[in-house]
Amino acid sequence: MFGIGGTELLVIIVVALIVFGPKDLPKAMRSAGAMMRTFNRVSGEYRRQFEQALRDVEREVEIEETRKSVEAALKDSPTPVKSPPGQKDQGDDSKRSPAVADPEPGERASSEAKEKLGHA
């Protein structure tokens, strides 16, 4: 611990005993222990905040790199890219009514069959 050997530790204990005396030494050791606990708690909290800040910065850098690579891929892409579900496509929507949803494949087939039977 801290590179302190047995003899150095013994010298420190003897000096502390002489300085504080046998009566006040336990109180001084409790105070020193309380200060060490407080120091460890504060330094641990500081370390956690610092590491969280580093993770946040790394995440922002990764997001920025991803955004740049996606933009570069979109610039190099010869075909238009469809919008994700839930977003409006950039293409021509003049033929489609926005209030009517596309039928499912099975529904489309049954509605076509009904039209044929009804108009035949």
Protein backbone atom coordinates (compact mmCIF):
# COMPACT_ATOMS: atom_id res chain seq x y z
CA MET A 1 0.00 0.00 0.00
CA PHE A 2 1.59 3.26 -1.22
CA GLY A 3 5.01 1.59 -1.18
CA ILE A 4 5.19 1.71 2.63
CA GLY A 5 7.01 -1.16 4.31
CA GLY A 6 6.53 -2.56 7.80
CA THR A 7 9.20 -0.44 9.47
CA GLU A 8 7.91 2.80 7.89
CA LEU A 9 4.39 1.99 9.07
CA LEU A 10 5.69 1.33 12.59
CA VAL A 11 7.49 4.71 12.60
CA ILE A 12 4.30 6.48 11.46
CA ILE A 13 2.28 4.80 14.23
CA VAL A 14 4.87 5.75 16.90
CA VAL A 15 4.99 9.38 15.68
CA ALA A 16 1.16 9.56 15.66
CA LEU A 17 1.07 8.14 19.19
CA ILE A 18 3.59 10.75 20.36
CA VAL A 19 1.82 13.66 18.59
CA PHE A 20 -1.77 12.81 19.54
CA GLY A 21 -1.16 10.85 22.74
CA PRO A 22 -2.86 7.61 23.71
CA LYS A 23 -6.05 9.40 24.76
CA ASP A 24 -6.75 11.30 21.51
CA LEU A 25 -5.28 8.81 19.01
CA PRO A 26 -8.52 6.82 18.49
CA LYS A 27 -10.48 10.04 17.86
CA ALA A 28 -7.82 11.25 15.40
CA MET A 29 -7.87 7.88 13.58
CA ARG A 30 -11.71 8.02 13.30
CA SER A 31 -11.48 11.54 11.90
CA ALA A 32 -8.81 10.47 9.43
CA GLY A 33 -10.94 7.48 8.38
CA ALA A 34 -14.00 9.71 7.89
CA MET A 35 -11.94 12.11 5.76
CA MET A 36 -10.64 9.21 3.65
CA ARG A 37 -14.20 7.89 3.10
CA THR A 38 -15.37 11.35 2.04
CA PHE A 39 -12.38 11.74 -0.27
CA ASN A 40 -12.99 8.32 -1.85
CA ARG A 41 -16.70 9.07 -2.33
CA VAL A 42 -16.03 12.45 -3.93
CA SER A 43 -13.25 11.11 -6.15
CA GLY A 44 -15.46 8.17 -7.23
CA GLU A 45 -18.29 10.54 -8.10
CA TYR A 46 -15.93 12.76 -10.04
CA ARG A 47 -14.53 9.74 -11.89
CA ARG A 48 -18.06 8.53 -12.81
CA GLN A 49 -19.04 12.00 -14.09
CA PHE A 50 -15.83 12.24 -16.11
CA GLU A 51 -16.32 8.78 -17.64
CA GLN A 52 -19.97 9.60 -18.45
CA ALA A 53 -18.87 12.82 -20.17
CA LEU A 54 -16.32 10.82 -22.20
CA ARG A 55 -18.99 8.27 -23.22
CA ASP A 56 -21.33 11.11 -24.25
CA VAL A 57 -18.62 12.71 -26.40
CA GLU A 58 -17.73 9.35 -27.97
CA ARG A 59 -21.41 8.71 -28.74
CA GLU A 60 -21.76 12.16 -30.35
CA VAL A 61 -18.65 11.54 -32.46
CA GLU A 62 -20.00 8.15 -33.57
CA ILE A 63 -23.35 9.70 -34.48
CA GLU A 64 -21.63 12.44 -36.47
CA GLU A 65 -19.43 9.90 -38.30
CA THR A 66 -22.47 7.75 -39.09
CA ARG A 67 -24.40 10.77 -40.34
CA LYS A 68 -21.52 11.78 -42.60
CA SER A 69 -21.13 8.26 -43.98
CA VAL A 70 -24.88 8.03 -44.68
CA GLU A 71 -24.85 11.40 -46.42
CA ALA A 72 -21.85 10.32 -48.51
CA ALA A 73 -23.59 7.05 -49.41
CA LEU A 74 -26.73 8.95 -50.40
CA LYS A 75 -24.72 11.30 -52.60
CA ASP A 76 -23.02 8.35 -54.31
CA SER A 77 -26.27 6.37 -54.68
CA PRO A 78 -27.54 6.35 -58.31
CA THR A 79 -31.10 5.36 -57.32
CA PRO A 80 -33.45 7.25 -55.04
CA VAL A 81 -33.80 5.86 -51.56
CA LYS A 82 -37.28 5.14 -50.17
CA SER A 83 -38.28 6.79 -46.92
CA PRO A 84 -38.61 4.60 -43.85
CA PRO A 85 -42.11 3.41 -42.91
CA GLY A 86 -44.22 6.13 -41.36
CA GLN A 87 -42.55 8.91 -43.34
CA LYS A 88 -43.80 10.39 -46.59
CA ASP A 89 -41.88 9.36 -49.71
CA GLN A 90 -40.13 12.04 -51.71
CA GLY A 91 -41.58 10.68 -54.96
CA ASP A 92 -44.72 11.63 -56.91
CA ASP A 93 -47.83 11.16 -54.75
CA SER A 94 -50.27 12.84 -57.14
CA LYS A 95 -51.86 9.51 -58.13
CA ARG A 96 -52.49 8.31 -54.58
CA SER A 97 -55.08 9.50 -52.15
CA PRO A 98 -53.43 10.13 -48.77
CA ALA A 99 -56.56 9.05 -46.86
CA VAL A 100 -56.75 5.58 -48.46
CA ALA A 101 -54.25 2.98 -47.34
CA ASP A 102 -52.88 0.28 -49.63
CA PRO A 103 -54.81 -2.99 -49.21
CA GLU A 104 -53.01 -6.11 -48.05
CA PRO A 105 -52.05 -8.55 -50.86
CA GLY A 106 -54.93 -10.92 -49.98
CA GLU A 107 -57.40 -8.05 -49.83
CA ARG A 108 -56.20 -6.74 -53.19
CA ALA A 109 -56.82 -10.13 -54.84
CA SER A 110 -60.28 -10.48 -53.33
CA SER A 111 -61.30 -6.93 -54.32
CA GLU A 112 -60.09 -7.58 -57.89
CA ALA A 113 -62.10 -10.82 -58.00
CA LYS A 114 -65.20 -9.00 -56.72
CA GLU A 115 -64.78 -6.34 -59.38
CA LYS A 116 -64.53 -8.98 -62.11
CA LEU A 117 -67.62 -10.80 -60.85
CA GLY A 118 -69.59 -7.63 -60.37
CA HIS A 119 -68.70 -6.18 -63.78
CA ALA A 120 -68.85 -9.47 -65.73
